[in-house]
């Protein structure tokens, strides 16, 4: 009765053909998802004409001018007012980027001259 059922359930499983080993599932790397390109790529040497991109270029210039071998990768003689200006510019840029993420790039402003 119950003893035979227990012994049958607890006994090791024997394969009918021990030479057959279950195959592992093939692992595949999923194809990367690429967003469709909705705008033409910028032409080398061209400047963006929309206000946000022009501001981002300005902030990039400020960051490059402030870079150096000092604390946090900044130049050692960075004044407090320069640091504040840079901090404000980064926060403004962040707000602009978040706005673009939420609302999209305003139509007609993503062109290059």
N, C-alpha and C. Protein backbone atom coordinates (compact mmCIF):
# COMPACT_ATOMS: atom_id res chain seq x y z
N UNK A 1 0.79 -1.17 0.00
CA UNK A 1 0.00 0.00 0.00
C UNK A 1 0.84 1.25 0.00
N UNK A 2 0.80 1.96 1.11
CA UNK A 2 1.46 3.25 1.20
C UNK A 2 2.98 3.13 1.19
N UNK A 3 3.52 2.04 1.76
CA UNK A 3 4.96 1.85 1.81
C UNK A 3 5.54 1.68 0.41
N UNK A 4 4.85 0.89 -0.44
CA UNK A 4 5.31 0.70 -1.81
C UNK A 4 5.25 2.01 -2.60
N UNK A 5 4.20 2.81 -2.40
CA UNK A 5 4.07 4.08 -3.10
C UNK A 5 5.18 5.04 -2.66
N UNK A 6 5.50 5.05 -1.36
CA UNK A 6 6.57 5.91 -0.86
C UNK A 6 7.91 5.49 -1.45
N UNK A 7 8.19 4.18 -1.44
CA UNK A 7 9.46 3.69 -1.97
C UNK A 7 9.58 4.00 -3.47
N UNK A 8 8.49 3.86 -4.20
CA UNK A 8 8.51 4.13 -5.64
C UNK A 8 8.76 5.62 -5.89
N UNK A 9 8.16 6.45 -5.07
CA UNK A 9 8.31 7.90 -5.25
C UNK A 9 9.69 8.37 -4.83
N UNK A 10 10.33 7.71 -3.85
CA UNK A 10 11.61 8.17 -3.36
C UNK A 10 12.79 7.49 -4.03
N UNK A 11 12.54 6.52 -4.90
CA UNK A 11 13.65 5.84 -5.57
C UNK A 11 14.21 6.73 -6.68
N UNK A 12 15.51 6.58 -6.97
CA UNK A 12 16.11 7.40 -8.02
C UNK A 12 15.47 7.11 -9.38
N UNK A 13 15.43 8.13 -10.20
CA UNK A 13 14.85 7.98 -11.53
C UNK A 13 15.91 7.39 -12.44
N UNK A 14 15.52 6.38 -13.17
CA UNK A 14 16.44 5.73 -14.10
C UNK A 14 15.94 6.03 -15.51
N UNK A 15 16.84 6.56 -16.32
CA UNK A 15 16.49 6.85 -17.71
C UNK A 15 16.48 5.56 -18.50
N UNK A 16 15.58 5.47 -19.47
CA UNK A 16 15.53 4.28 -20.32
C UNK A 16 16.83 4.13 -21.10
N UNK A 17 17.39 5.24 -21.56
CA UNK A 17 18.63 5.20 -22.32
C UNK A 17 19.61 6.17 -21.68
N UNK A 18 20.51 5.69 -20.83
CA UNK A 18 21.42 6.58 -20.12
C UNK A 18 22.37 7.36 -21.05
N UNK A 19 22.53 6.94 -22.30
CA UNK A 19 23.42 7.66 -23.19
C UNK A 19 22.77 8.93 -23.74
N UNK A 20 21.46 9.07 -23.55
CA UNK A 20 20.77 10.28 -24.00
C UNK A 20 20.77 11.28 -22.85
N UNK A 21 21.41 12.39 -23.07
CA UNK A 21 21.49 13.43 -22.06
C UNK A 21 20.59 14.58 -22.51
N UNK A 22 19.76 15.08 -21.61
CA UNK A 22 18.90 16.21 -22.02
C UNK A 22 19.76 17.38 -22.50
N UNK A 23 19.35 17.98 -23.61
CA UNK A 23 20.09 19.10 -24.17
C UNK A 23 19.72 20.38 -23.44
N UNK A 24 20.72 21.23 -23.27
CA UNK A 24 20.46 22.53 -22.68
C UNK A 24 19.80 23.41 -23.73
N UNK A 25 18.96 24.30 -23.24
CA UNK A 25 18.34 25.24 -24.16
C UNK A 25 19.40 26.17 -24.71
N UNK A 26 19.31 26.42 -26.00
CA UNK A 26 20.25 27.34 -26.62
C UNK A 26 20.00 28.75 -26.09
N UNK A 27 21.08 29.41 -25.71
CA UNK A 27 20.92 30.78 -25.25
C UNK A 27 21.21 31.71 -26.41
N UNK A 28 20.32 32.62 -26.62
CA UNK A 28 20.51 33.57 -27.70
C UNK A 28 20.51 34.97 -27.11
N UNK A 29 21.27 35.81 -27.71
CA UNK A 29 21.31 37.20 -27.29
C UNK A 29 20.21 37.93 -28.03
N UNK A 30 19.31 38.59 -27.30
CA UNK A 30 18.23 39.29 -27.98
C UNK A 30 18.78 40.43 -28.84
N UNK A 31 18.10 40.64 -29.94
CA UNK A 31 18.48 41.74 -30.82
C UNK A 31 18.24 43.06 -30.09
N UNK A 32 19.17 44.01 -30.19
CA UNK A 32 18.93 45.30 -29.54
C UNK A 32 17.79 46.04 -30.21
N UNK A 33 17.02 46.71 -29.39
CA UNK A 33 15.91 47.50 -29.90
C UNK A 33 16.44 48.87 -30.27
N UNK A 34 16.24 49.24 -31.51
CA UNK A 34 16.74 50.52 -31.99
C UNK A 34 15.54 51.39 -32.30
N UNK A 35 15.52 52.57 -31.68
CA UNK A 35 14.43 53.50 -31.94
C UNK A 35 14.55 54.02 -33.37
N UNK A 36 13.43 54.19 -34.03
CA UNK A 36 13.51 54.72 -35.38
C UNK A 36 14.08 56.13 -35.38
N UNK A 37 14.88 56.42 -36.37
CA UNK A 37 15.50 57.75 -36.47
C UNK A 37 14.46 58.70 -37.03
N UNK A 38 14.02 59.63 -36.20
CA UNK A 38 12.97 60.54 -36.62
C UNK A 38 13.50 61.85 -37.16
N UNK A 39 14.81 62.05 -37.06
CA UNK A 39 15.37 63.28 -37.58
C UNK A 39 16.64 62.96 -38.34
N UNK A 40 16.98 63.83 -39.26
CA UNK A 40 18.18 63.64 -40.05
C UNK A 40 19.40 63.82 -39.15
N UNK A 41 20.45 63.05 -39.39
CA UNK A 41 21.65 63.22 -38.57
C UNK A 41 22.28 64.57 -38.85
N UNK A 42 22.93 65.15 -37.85
CA UNK A 42 23.55 66.46 -38.06
C UNK A 42 24.70 66.36 -39.05
N UNK A 43 24.86 67.41 -39.80
CA UNK A 43 25.95 67.49 -40.75
C UNK A 43 27.20 67.92 -39.99
N UNK A 44 28.33 67.29 -40.28
CA UNK A 44 29.57 67.62 -39.58
C UNK A 44 29.87 69.11 -39.70
N UNK A 45 30.19 69.71 -38.58
CA UNK A 45 30.52 71.13 -38.56
C UNK A 45 29.32 72.05 -38.48
N UNK A 46 28.12 71.49 -38.49
CA UNK A 46 26.93 72.34 -38.41
C UNK A 46 26.59 72.62 -36.95
N UNK A 47 25.89 73.68 -36.71
CA UNK A 47 25.48 74.06 -35.36
C UNK A 47 23.97 73.90 -35.27
N UNK A 48 23.48 73.35 -34.15
CA UNK A 48 22.03 73.24 -33.98
C UNK A 48 21.41 74.63 -33.87
N UNK A 49 20.22 74.77 -34.44
CA UNK A 49 19.60 76.10 -34.42
C UNK A 49 18.51 76.25 -33.37
N UNK A 50 18.12 75.13 -32.72
CA UNK A 50 17.09 75.29 -31.71
C UNK A 50 17.70 75.82 -30.41
N UNK A 51 16.89 76.51 -29.64
CA UNK A 51 17.35 77.20 -28.43
C UNK A 51 17.93 76.23 -27.41
N UNK A 52 17.27 75.10 -27.19
CA UNK A 52 17.76 74.14 -26.19
C UNK A 52 19.14 73.62 -26.57
N UNK A 53 19.31 73.21 -27.82
CA UNK A 53 20.60 72.65 -28.24
C UNK A 53 21.70 73.70 -28.17
N UNK A 54 21.37 74.93 -28.50
CA UNK A 54 22.37 76.00 -28.39
C UNK A 54 22.78 76.19 -26.93
N UNK A 55 21.80 76.09 -26.01
CA UNK A 55 22.11 76.22 -24.59
C UNK A 55 22.98 75.05 -24.13
N UNK A 56 22.67 73.83 -24.61
CA UNK A 56 23.45 72.66 -24.24
C UNK A 56 24.90 72.81 -24.70
N UNK A 57 25.08 73.37 -25.89
CA UNK A 57 26.44 73.62 -26.40
C UNK A 57 27.16 74.63 -25.51
N UNK A 58 26.44 75.64 -25.06
CA UNK A 58 27.01 76.67 -24.18
C UNK A 58 27.46 76.04 -22.86
N UNK A 59 26.60 75.18 -22.29
CA UNK A 59 26.93 74.51 -21.02
C UNK A 59 28.13 73.59 -21.22
N UNK A 60 28.19 72.89 -22.35
CA UNK A 60 29.33 72.04 -22.63
C UNK A 60 30.61 72.86 -22.65
N UNK A 61 30.57 74.02 -23.28
CA UNK A 61 31.74 74.91 -23.29
C UNK A 61 32.15 75.33 -21.90
N UNK A 62 31.17 75.65 -21.05
CA UNK A 62 31.47 76.03 -19.67
C UNK A 62 32.11 74.87 -18.90
N UNK A 63 31.59 73.66 -19.11
CA UNK A 63 32.14 72.48 -18.43
C UNK A 63 33.57 72.22 -18.90
N UNK A 64 33.80 72.34 -20.19
CA UNK A 64 35.15 72.12 -20.71
C UNK A 64 36.12 73.18 -20.17
N UNK A 65 35.65 74.42 -20.07
CA UNK A 65 36.50 75.50 -19.56
C UNK A 65 36.81 75.30 -18.08
N UNK A 66 35.90 74.66 -17.34
CA UNK A 66 36.08 74.47 -15.90
C UNK A 66 36.80 73.17 -15.56
N UNK A 67 37.04 72.32 -16.55
CA UNK A 67 37.66 71.02 -16.25
C UNK A 67 39.14 71.20 -15.94
N UNK A 68 39.63 70.30 -15.11
CA UNK A 68 41.04 70.36 -14.71
C UNK A 68 41.41 69.18 -13.85
N UNK A 69 42.48 69.31 -13.11
CA UNK A 69 42.99 68.19 -12.30
C UNK A 69 42.68 68.37 -10.82
N UNK A 70 41.81 69.31 -10.51
CA UNK A 70 41.44 69.55 -9.11
C UNK A 70 40.34 68.63 -8.64
N UNK A 71 39.74 69.01 -7.53
CA UNK A 71 38.67 68.23 -6.93
C UNK A 71 37.52 68.04 -7.91
N UNK A 72 37.03 66.82 -8.02
CA UNK A 72 35.90 66.45 -8.88
C UNK A 72 36.17 66.75 -10.36
N UNK A 73 37.44 66.77 -10.74
CA UNK A 73 37.79 66.98 -12.14
C UNK A 73 37.69 68.42 -12.61
N UNK A 74 37.59 69.34 -11.67
CA UNK A 74 37.49 70.76 -12.02
C UNK A 74 38.86 71.42 -11.87
N UNK A 75 39.00 72.58 -12.51
CA UNK A 75 40.27 73.30 -12.36
C UNK A 75 40.43 73.74 -10.92
N UNK A 76 41.67 73.78 -10.48
CA UNK A 76 41.95 74.07 -9.07
C UNK A 76 41.62 75.50 -8.68
N UNK A 77 41.71 76.44 -9.60
CA UNK A 77 41.46 77.84 -9.26
C UNK A 77 40.05 78.29 -9.64
N UNK A 78 39.09 77.36 -9.65
CA UNK A 78 37.70 77.69 -9.97
C UNK A 78 37.13 78.55 -8.84
N UNK A 79 36.65 79.74 -9.18
CA UNK A 79 36.11 80.63 -8.14
C UNK A 79 34.72 80.16 -7.71
N UNK A 80 34.28 80.64 -6.58
CA UNK A 80 32.95 80.29 -6.06
C UNK A 80 31.86 80.74 -7.02
N UNK A 81 32.03 81.93 -7.61
CA UNK A 81 30.99 82.42 -8.53
C UNK A 81 30.96 81.60 -9.81
N UNK A 82 32.14 81.14 -10.29
CA UNK A 82 32.17 80.27 -11.48
C UNK A 82 31.50 78.93 -11.17
N UNK A 83 31.76 78.40 -9.98
CA UNK A 83 31.16 77.13 -9.58
C UNK A 83 29.64 77.27 -9.47
N UNK A 84 29.17 78.37 -8.90
CA UNK A 84 27.73 78.61 -8.79
C UNK A 84 27.09 78.74 -10.16
N UNK A 85 27.74 79.48 -11.06
CA UNK A 85 27.24 79.66 -12.43
C UNK A 85 27.15 78.31 -13.14
N UNK A 86 28.18 77.50 -12.98
CA UNK A 86 28.20 76.18 -13.60
C UNK A 86 27.10 75.29 -13.03
N UNK A 87 26.93 75.33 -11.72
CA UNK A 87 25.89 74.55 -11.07
C UNK A 87 24.50 74.95 -11.56
N UNK A 88 24.26 76.25 -11.66
CA UNK A 88 22.97 76.74 -12.14
C UNK A 88 22.74 76.32 -13.59
N UNK A 89 23.78 76.42 -14.42
CA UNK A 89 23.66 76.04 -15.83
C UNK A 89 23.32 74.56 -15.97
N UNK A 90 23.95 73.71 -15.15
CA UNK A 90 23.67 72.27 -15.19
C UNK A 90 22.24 71.99 -14.76
N UNK A 91 21.78 72.65 -13.70
CA UNK A 91 20.40 72.46 -13.24
C UNK A 91 19.40 72.94 -14.29
N UNK A 92 19.69 74.07 -14.95
CA UNK A 92 18.81 74.55 -16.02
C UNK A 92 18.78 73.56 -17.18
N UNK A 93 19.94 73.02 -17.53
CA UNK A 93 20.02 72.05 -18.61
C UNK A 93 19.21 70.80 -18.25
N UNK A 94 19.33 70.36 -17.01
CA UNK A 94 18.58 69.18 -16.54
C UNK A 94 17.08 69.43 -16.69
N UNK A 95 16.62 70.60 -16.29
CA UNK A 95 15.19 70.93 -16.41
C UNK A 95 14.76 70.91 -17.87
N UNK A 96 15.59 71.44 -18.77
CA UNK A 96 15.27 71.44 -20.19
C UNK A 96 15.18 70.01 -20.73
N UNK A 97 16.13 69.17 -20.34
CA UNK A 97 16.13 67.78 -20.80
C UNK A 97 14.90 67.03 -20.29
N UNK A 98 14.56 67.23 -19.02
CA UNK A 98 13.37 66.58 -18.48
C UNK A 98 12.11 67.06 -19.18
N UNK A 99 12.05 68.34 -19.51
CA UNK A 99 10.92 68.87 -20.24
C UNK A 99 10.83 68.22 -21.63
N UNK A 100 11.97 68.08 -22.30
CA UNK A 100 11.97 67.43 -23.62
C UNK A 100 11.56 65.97 -23.51
N UNK A 101 11.97 65.30 -22.44
CA UNK A 101 11.57 63.90 -22.25
C UNK A 101 10.06 63.79 -22.07
N UNK A 102 9.50 64.69 -21.29
CA UNK A 102 8.07 64.64 -21.02
C UNK A 102 7.21 65.14 -22.16
N UNK A 103 7.66 66.19 -22.82
CA UNK A 103 6.83 66.84 -23.83
C UNK A 103 7.35 66.70 -25.25
N UNK A 104 8.52 66.14 -25.41
CA UNK A 104 9.12 66.01 -26.73
C UNK A 104 9.83 67.30 -27.13
N UNK A 105 10.59 67.20 -28.18
CA UNK A 105 11.27 68.38 -28.70
C UNK A 105 10.24 69.20 -29.44
N UNK A 106 10.14 70.48 -29.15
CA UNK A 106 9.14 71.31 -29.83
C UNK A 106 9.29 71.23 -31.35
N UNK A 107 8.17 71.12 -32.08
CA UNK A 107 8.26 70.98 -33.53
C UNK A 107 8.95 72.18 -34.16
N UNK A 108 9.74 71.91 -35.19
CA UNK A 108 10.41 72.96 -35.92
C UNK A 108 11.65 73.49 -35.26
N UNK A 109 12.03 72.94 -34.09
CA UNK A 109 13.20 73.47 -33.41
C UNK A 109 14.38 72.50 -33.46
N UNK A 110 14.21 71.35 -34.07
CA UNK A 110 15.29 70.37 -34.07
C UNK A 110 16.03 70.33 -35.40
N UNK A 111 16.17 71.48 -36.03
CA UNK A 111 16.86 71.53 -37.31
C UNK A 111 18.26 72.06 -37.13
N UNK A 112 19.09 71.80 -38.10
CA UNK A 112 20.46 72.27 -38.07
C UNK A 112 20.65 73.28 -39.17
N UNK A 113 21.47 74.30 -38.91
CA UNK A 113 21.73 75.34 -39.91
C UNK A 113 22.74 74.85 -40.91
